[in-house]
C-alpha atoms as a PDB file:
ATOM      1  CA  MET A   1      18.925   0.252 -41.376  1.00  0.00           C
ATOM      2  CA  PRO A   2      19.773   2.470 -38.386  1.00  0.00           C
ATOM      3  CA  ASP A   3      23.353   3.477 -37.711  1.00  0.00           C
ATOM      4  CA  PHE A   4      24.414   1.117 -34.880  1.00  0.00           C
ATOM      5  CA  PRO A   5      27.689   1.369 -32.917  1.00  0.00           C
ATOM      6  CA  ALA A   6      30.535  -0.766 -34.311  1.00  0.00           C
ATOM      7  CA  ALA A   7      30.234  -3.559 -31.688  1.00  0.00           C
ATOM      8  CA  ILE A   8      26.540  -4.041 -32.436  1.00  0.00           C
ATOM      9  CA  GLN A   9      27.064  -3.749 -36.198  1.00  0.00           C
ATOM     10  CA  ASN A  10      29.707  -6.523 -36.027  1.00  0.00           C
ATOM     11  CA  MET A  11      27.246  -8.738 -34.151  1.00  0.00           C
ATOM     12  CA  LEU A  12      24.482  -8.044 -36.690  1.00  0.00           C
ATOM     13  CA  ASN A  13      26.859  -9.018 -39.492  1.00  0.00           C
ATOM     14  CA  GLY A  14      27.737 -12.291 -37.714  1.00  0.00           C
ATOM     15  CA  ARG A  15      25.862 -15.541 -37.267  1.00  0.00           C
ATOM     16  CA  THR A  16      24.582 -15.064 -33.701  1.00  0.00           C
ATOM     17  CA  VAL A  17      22.695 -12.053 -32.377  1.00  0.00           C
ATOM     18  CA  ARG A  18      21.887 -11.850 -28.662  1.00  0.00           C
ATOM     19  CA  VAL A  19      19.261  -9.183 -28.089  1.00  0.00           C
ATOM     20  CA  ALA A  20      16.412  -8.558 -25.658  1.00  0.00           C
ATOM     21  CA  HIS A  21      13.708  -6.001 -24.975  1.00  0.00           C
ATOM     22  CA  MET A  22      13.855  -4.250 -21.630  1.00  0.00           C
ATOM     23  CA  VAL A  23      10.910  -2.374 -20.140  1.00  0.00           C
ATOM     24  CA  GLU A  24      11.230   0.772 -18.063  1.00  0.00           C
ATOM     25  CA  LEU A  25       8.125   1.986 -16.211  1.00  0.00           C
ATOM     26  CA  LEU A  26       8.622   5.614 -15.223  1.00  0.00           C
ATOM     27  CA  LEU A  27       6.391   5.516 -12.146  1.00  0.00           C
ATOM     28  CA  ASP A  28       7.132   7.584  -9.018  1.00  0.00           C
ATOM     29  CA  SER A  29       9.747   4.932  -8.249  1.00  0.00           C
ATOM     30  CA  PRO A  30      10.846   3.599 -11.669  1.00  0.00           C
ATOM     31  CA  LYS A  31      10.656  -0.153 -12.373  1.00  0.00           C
ATOM     32  CA  ARG A  32      13.010  -1.799 -14.851  1.00  0.00           C
ATOM     33  CA  MET A  33      12.432  -5.355 -16.084  1.00  0.00           C
ATOM     34  CA  TRP A  34      13.470  -7.797 -18.750  1.00  0.00           C
ATOM     35  CA  ASN A  35      12.589 -11.409 -19.524  1.00  0.00           C
ATOM     36  CA  GLY A  36      15.966 -12.874 -18.557  1.00  0.00           C
ATOM     37  CA  PHE A  37      16.711 -15.063 -15.554  1.00  0.00           C
ATOM     38  CA  ARG A  38      18.953 -12.671 -13.636  1.00  0.00           C
ATOM     39  CA  ASP A  39      19.360  -8.991 -12.874  1.00  0.00           C
ATOM     40  CA  VAL A  40      21.492  -7.053 -15.360  1.00  0.00           C
ATOM     41  CA  THR A  41      23.158  -3.647 -15.132  1.00  0.00           C
ATOM     42  CA  THR A  42      23.581  -1.761 -18.406  1.00  0.00           C
ATOM     43  CA  SER A  43      26.375   0.693 -19.226  1.00  0.00           C
ATOM     44  CA  ASP A  44      24.114   3.632 -18.318  1.00  0.00           C
ATOM     45  CA  GLY A  45      24.062   2.386 -14.689  1.00  0.00           C
ATOM     46  CA  LYS A  46      20.467   1.128 -14.685  1.00  0.00           C
ATOM     47  CA  THR A  47      19.694  -2.262 -13.117  1.00  0.00           C
ATOM     48  CA  TRP A  48      17.037  -4.390 -14.807  1.00  0.00           C
ATOM     49  CA  ASN A  49      15.263  -7.123 -12.823  1.00  0.00           C
ATOM     50  CA  GLY A  50      14.962 -10.487 -14.555  1.00  0.00           C
ATOM     51  CA  LEU A  51      11.437 -11.879 -14.801  1.00  0.00           C
ATOM     52  CA  GLY A  52      12.571 -15.399 -15.658  1.00  0.00           C
ATOM     53  CA  GLY A  53      10.482 -15.656 -18.803  1.00  0.00           C
ATOM     54  CA  LEU A  54       7.252 -14.560 -17.076  1.00  0.00           C
ATOM     55  CA  GLY A  55       6.715 -11.417 -19.156  1.00  0.00           C
ATOM     56  CA  SER A  56       5.385 -10.714 -22.617  1.00  0.00           C
ATOM     57  CA  ILE A  57       4.963  -7.664 -24.861  1.00  0.00           C
ATOM     58  CA  THR A  58       2.439  -7.276 -27.668  1.00  0.00           C
ATOM     59  CA  GLY A  59       1.944  -4.301 -29.956  1.00  0.00           C
ATOM     60  CA  LEU A  60       5.558  -3.407 -30.691  1.00  0.00           C
ATOM     61  CA  GLU A  61       4.963  -3.388 -34.431  1.00  0.00           C
ATOM     62  CA  GLU A  62       4.285  -0.054 -36.087  1.00  0.00           C
ATOM     63  CA  ASP A  63       1.526   0.512 -38.625  1.00  0.00           C
ATOM     64  CA  ASP A  64       2.937   3.150 -40.961  1.00  0.00           C
ATOM     65  CA  THR A  65       0.402   2.553 -43.723  1.00  0.00           C
ATOM     66  CA  ASN A  66      -2.688   4.081 -42.113  1.00  0.00           C
ATOM     67  CA  MET A  67      -1.025   6.161 -39.361  1.00  0.00           C
ATOM     68  CA  GLN A  68      -3.185   4.736 -36.594  1.00  0.00           C
ATOM     69  CA  SER A  69      -2.250   4.672 -32.946  1.00  0.00           C
ATOM     70  CA  THR A  70      -1.273   1.179 -31.819  1.00  0.00           C
ATOM     71  CA  GLU A  71      -1.896  -0.275 -28.374  1.00  0.00           C
ATOM     72  CA  LEU A  72       1.005  -1.701 -26.406  1.00  0.00           C
ATOM     73  CA  ARG A  73       0.261  -4.433 -23.852  1.00  0.00           C
ATOM     74  CA  LEU A  74       2.740  -5.635 -21.235  1.00  0.00           C
ATOM     75  CA  THR A  75       1.832  -8.757 -19.274  1.00  0.00           C
ATOM     76  CA  VAL A  76       3.706 -10.090 -16.258  1.00  0.00           C
ATOM     77  CA  SER A  77       2.839 -13.325 -14.438  1.00  0.00           C
ATOM     78  CA  GLY A  78       3.798 -13.941 -10.821  1.00  0.00           C
ATOM     79  CA  VAL A  79       3.670 -10.264  -9.875  1.00  0.00           C
ATOM     80  CA  ASP A  80       5.457  -9.168  -6.693  1.00  0.00           C
ATOM     81  CA  ALA A  81       3.403  -7.631  -3.859  1.00  0.00           C
ATOM     82  CA  ALA A  82       4.700  -4.050  -4.310  1.00  0.00           C
ATOM     83  CA  LEU A  83       3.789  -3.865  -7.992  1.00  0.00           C
ATOM     84  CA  LEU A  84       0.417  -5.504  -7.312  1.00  0.00           C
ATOM     85  CA  GLN A  85      -0.381  -2.910  -4.612  1.00  0.00           C
ATOM     86  CA  THR A  86       0.433  -0.100  -7.071  1.00  0.00           C
ATOM     87  CA  ALA A  87      -1.832  -1.696  -9.707  1.00  0.00           C
ATOM     88  CA  ILE A  88      -4.845  -2.113  -7.408  1.00  0.00           C
ATOM     89  CA  ALA A  89      -4.403   1.199  -5.580  1.00  0.00           C
ATOM     90  CA  GLU A  90      -7.394   3.500  -5.595  1.00  0.00           C
ATOM     91  CA  ASP A  91      -5.145   6.372  -6.702  1.00  0.00           C
ATOM     92  CA  ARG A  92      -4.846   5.630 -10.412  1.00  0.00           C
ATOM     93  CA  ALA A  93      -2.536   8.644 -10.749  1.00  0.00           C
ATOM     94  CA  LEU A  94       0.225   6.318  -9.521  1.00  0.00           C
ATOM     95  CA  TYR A  95       0.360   4.793 -13.007  1.00  0.00           C
ATOM     96  CA  ILE A  96      -2.182   6.348 -15.439  1.00  0.00           C
ATOM     97  CA  GLY A  97      -0.446   8.800 -17.753  1.00  0.00           C
ATOM     98  CA  LYS A  98       3.039   7.583 -16.805  1.00  0.00           C
ATOM     99  CA  LEU A  99       5.580   6.746 -19.463  1.00  0.00           C
ATOM    100  CA  ILE A 100       6.769   3.294 -20.543  1.00  0.00           C
ATOM    101  CA  ILE A 101       9.940   2.987 -22.589  1.00  0.00           C
ATOM    102  CA  ILE A 102      10.878  -0.234 -24.380  1.00  0.00           C
ATOM    103  CA  TRP A 103      14.635  -0.546 -24.843  1.00  0.00           C
ATOM    104  CA  LEU A 104      16.599  -2.833 -27.147  1.00  0.00           C
ATOM    105  CA  VAL A 105      19.761  -4.258 -25.541  1.00  0.00           C
ATOM    106  CA  PHE A 106      22.450  -6.335 -27.225  1.00  0.00           C
ATOM    107  CA  PHE A 107      24.549  -8.858 -25.284  1.00  0.00           C
ATOM    108  CA  ASP A 108      27.955 -10.522 -25.664  1.00  0.00           C
ATOM    109  CA  GLU A 109      28.681 -14.266 -25.373  1.00  0.00           C
ATOM    110  CA  GLU A 110      28.394 -14.165 -21.542  1.00  0.00           C
ATOM    111  CA  TRP A 111      25.092 -12.283 -21.759  1.00  0.00           C
ATOM    112  CA  GLN A 112      26.614  -9.036 -20.557  1.00  0.00           C
ATOM    113  CA  PRO A 113      25.118  -5.894 -22.160  1.00  0.00           C
ATOM    114  CA  ILE A 114      27.235  -4.178 -24.789  1.00  0.00           C
ATOM    115  CA  GLU A 115      26.871  -0.501 -25.627  1.00  0.00           C
ATOM    116  CA  THR A 116      24.015   1.569 -24.220  1.00  0.00           C
ATOM    117  CA  PRO A 117      20.365   0.508 -24.598  1.00  0.00           C
ATOM    118  CA  ILE A 118      18.562   1.758 -27.709  1.00  0.00           C
ATOM    119  CA  ALA A 119      15.047   3.184 -27.278  1.00  0.00           C
ATOM    120  CA  ARG A 120      12.600   1.158 -29.379  1.00  0.00           C
ATOM    121  CA  LYS A 121       9.201   2.530 -28.360  1.00  0.00           C
ATOM    122  CA  ALA A 122       7.597   4.861 -25.836  1.00  0.00           C
ATOM    123  CA  ALA A 123       3.977   4.788 -24.705  1.00  0.00           C
ATOM    124  CA  ILE A 124       1.692   6.276 -22.076  1.00  0.00           C
ATOM    125  CA  ILE A 125      -0.020   3.954 -19.577  1.00  0.00           C
ATOM    126  CA  ASP A 126      -3.758   3.925 -20.124  1.00  0.00           C
ATOM    127  CA  GLY A 127      -4.930   1.157 -17.783  1.00  0.00           C
ATOM    128  CA  VAL A 128      -4.024  -1.917 -15.757  1.00  0.00           C
ATOM    129  CA  ASP A 129      -5.826  -5.257 -15.495  1.00  0.00           C
ATOM    130  CA  VAL A 130      -5.135  -7.784 -12.745  1.00  0.00           C
ATOM    131  CA  SER A 131      -6.201 -11.390 -13.166  1.00  0.00           C
ATOM    132  CA  ARG A 132      -5.730 -14.636 -11.261  1.00  0.00           C
ATOM    133  CA  HIS A 133      -5.192 -17.991 -12.967  1.00  0.00           C
ATOM    134  CA  SER A 134      -6.007 -21.071 -10.893  1.00  0.00           C
ATOM    135  CA  SER A 135      -4.229 -24.349 -11.364  1.00  0.00           C
ATOM    136  CA  ASP A 136      -5.100 -27.841 -10.114  1.00  0.00           C
ATOM    137  CA  GLU A 137      -1.406 -28.595  -9.677  1.00  0.00           C
ATOM    138  CA  GLY A 138      -0.399 -25.704  -7.417  1.00  0.00           C
ATOM    139  CA  PRO A 139      -1.172 -22.215  -6.152  1.00  0.00           C
ATOM    140  CA  SER A 140      -2.907 -19.653  -8.334  1.00  0.00           C
ATOM    141  CA  VAL A 141      -0.806 -17.113 -10.224  1.00  0.00           C
ATOM    142  CA  ARG A 142      -1.605 -13.416 -10.527  1.00  0.00           C
ATOM    143  CA  SER A 143      -1.019 -11.690 -13.849  1.00  0.00           C
ATOM    144  CA  LEU A 144      -0.766  -7.983 -14.397  1.00  0.00           C
ATOM    145  CA  SER A 145      -1.570  -6.580 -17.843  1.00  0.00           C
ATOM    146  CA  MET A 146      -0.662  -2.970 -18.533  1.00  0.00           C
ATOM    147  CA  VAL A 147      -2.194  -1.231 -21.550  1.00  0.00           C
ATOM    148  CA  ALA A 148      -0.426   1.770 -23.046  1.00  0.00           C
ATOM    149  CA  GLN A 149      -1.076   4.019 -26.026  1.00  0.00           C
ATOM    150  CA  ASN A 150       1.634   5.485 -28.202  1.00  0.00           C
ATOM    151  CA  LEU A 151       2.660   9.098 -27.719  1.00  0.00           C
ATOM    152  CA  PHE A 152       0.439  10.324 -30.561  1.00  0.00           C
ATOM    153  CA  TYR A 153      -2.756   8.846 -29.147  1.00  0.00           C
ATOM    154  CA  GLY A 154      -5.457  11.521 -29.067  1.00  0.00           C
ATOM    155  CA  ARG A 155      -3.439  14.070 -31.026  1.00  0.00           C
ATOM    156  CA  SER A 156      -6.390  14.961 -33.243  1.00  0.00           C
ATOM    157  CA  LEU A 157      -8.771  15.519 -30.328  1.00  0.00           C
ATOM    158  CA  PRO A 158      -9.679  19.132 -29.560  1.00  0.00           C
ATOM    159  CA  PRO A 159      -8.398  20.581 -26.290  1.00  0.00           C
ATOM    160  CA  ALA A 160     -10.694  19.861 -23.354  1.00  0.00           C
ATOM    161  CA  ALA A 161     -10.571  23.438 -22.073  1.00  0.00           C
ATOM    162  CA  PHE A 162     -10.384  27.089 -23.073  1.00  0.00           C
ATOM    163  CA  TYR A 163      -7.570  29.512 -22.418  1.00  0.00           C
ATOM    164  CA  SER A 164      -9.630  31.333 -19.802  1.00  0.00           C
ATOM    165  CA  ASN A 165      -9.162  32.254 -16.167  1.00  0.00           C
ATOM    166  CA  ARG A 166     -12.052  29.993 -15.145  1.00  0.00           C
ATOM    167  CA  ASP A 167     -10.509  26.892 -16.761  1.00  0.00           C
ATOM    168  CA  GLN A 168      -7.068  27.799 -15.445  1.00  0.00           C
ATOM    169  CA  GLN A 169      -8.445  27.986 -11.881  1.00  0.00           C
ATOM    170  CA  ILE A 170      -9.853  24.458 -12.276  1.00  0.00           C
ATOM    171  CA  ARG A 171      -6.465  23.155 -13.430  1.00  0.00           C
ATOM    172  CA  SER A 172      -4.260  25.235 -11.111  1.00  0.00           C
ATOM    173  CA  PRO A 173      -6.096  27.052  -8.299  1.00  0.00           C
ATOM    174  CA  GLY A 174      -4.481  30.384  -7.438  1.00  0.00           C
ATOM    175  CA  ASP A 175      -2.658  30.770 -10.773  1.00  0.00           C
ATOM    176  CA  ARG A 176      -3.242  34.274 -12.126  1.00  0.00           C
ATOM    177  CA  GLY A 177      -1.804  33.670 -15.606  1.00  0.00           C
ATOM    178  CA  PHE A 178      -5.133  34.051 -17.468  1.00  0.00           C
ATOM    179  CA  GLU A 179      -6.794  36.566 -15.131  1.00  0.00           C
ATOM    180  CA  PHE A 180      -6.452  39.553 -17.472  1.00  0.00           C
ATOM    181  CA  VAL A 181      -6.891  37.818 -20.838  1.00  0.00           C
ATOM    182  CA  SER A 182     -10.505  38.977 -21.329  1.00  0.00           C
ATOM    183  CA  ASP A 183      -9.591  42.595 -20.457  1.00  0.00           C
ATOM    184  CA  SER A 184      -6.720  42.703 -22.920  1.00  0.00           C
ATOM    185  CA  ILE A 185      -8.591  41.412 -25.991  1.00  0.00           C
ATOM    186  CA  GLU A 186      -9.825  44.849 -27.203  1.00  0.00           C
ATOM    187  CA  THR A 187      -6.988  46.848 -25.627  1.00  0.00           C
ATOM    188  CA  VAL A 188      -4.771  48.942 -27.898  1.00  0.00           C
ATOM    189  CA  ILE A 189      -1.286  49.426 -26.580  1.00  0.00           C
ATOM    190  CA  PRO A 190       0.425  52.447 -28.202  1.00  0.00           C
ATOM    191  CA  VAL A 191       3.953  51.811 -29.371  1.00  0.00           C
ATOM    192  CA  PRO A 192       6.330  54.683 -28.586  1.00  0.00           C
ATOM    193  CA  TRP A 193       8.138  54.652 -31.963  1.00  0.00           C
END
């Protein structure tokens, strides 16, 4: 069992544990959410917007037996217009490759956060799906599903480039860091001692 601060350890030893997952999307303008019914500010000064039970997370479990990368999926129903515009934007760089951190937060009897949030999982956003669910009883609801891979996804893949000037110019035009690599391969540099 991890070494928790005393206040959390006392709660874990008691009969009632109030805990929630909080999601931080590290986009250009970070988004912080949790499944509660009100906004909450944690001791680190971050404010988390309550989704009112409209969010879900799947894939938090770890598979240590076969060391495979697990997929994390965050789903939010009733998405606000700003987040929807980011999801459907043509510039996928707004979210692809950005970091998601899932935090574990413990609460007191009044549902005020105690201690600082504890990082539970981190993942890299791989894609976003937007869907619309129609209902006969009212307006349709948009859902946003964000798929993320853990930090070790693709670690066994070979690099997609060489350490050459040509590849460096594709990645960073004007960078001269690899310009003289081919000239220096067979060069002998005499040492003065």
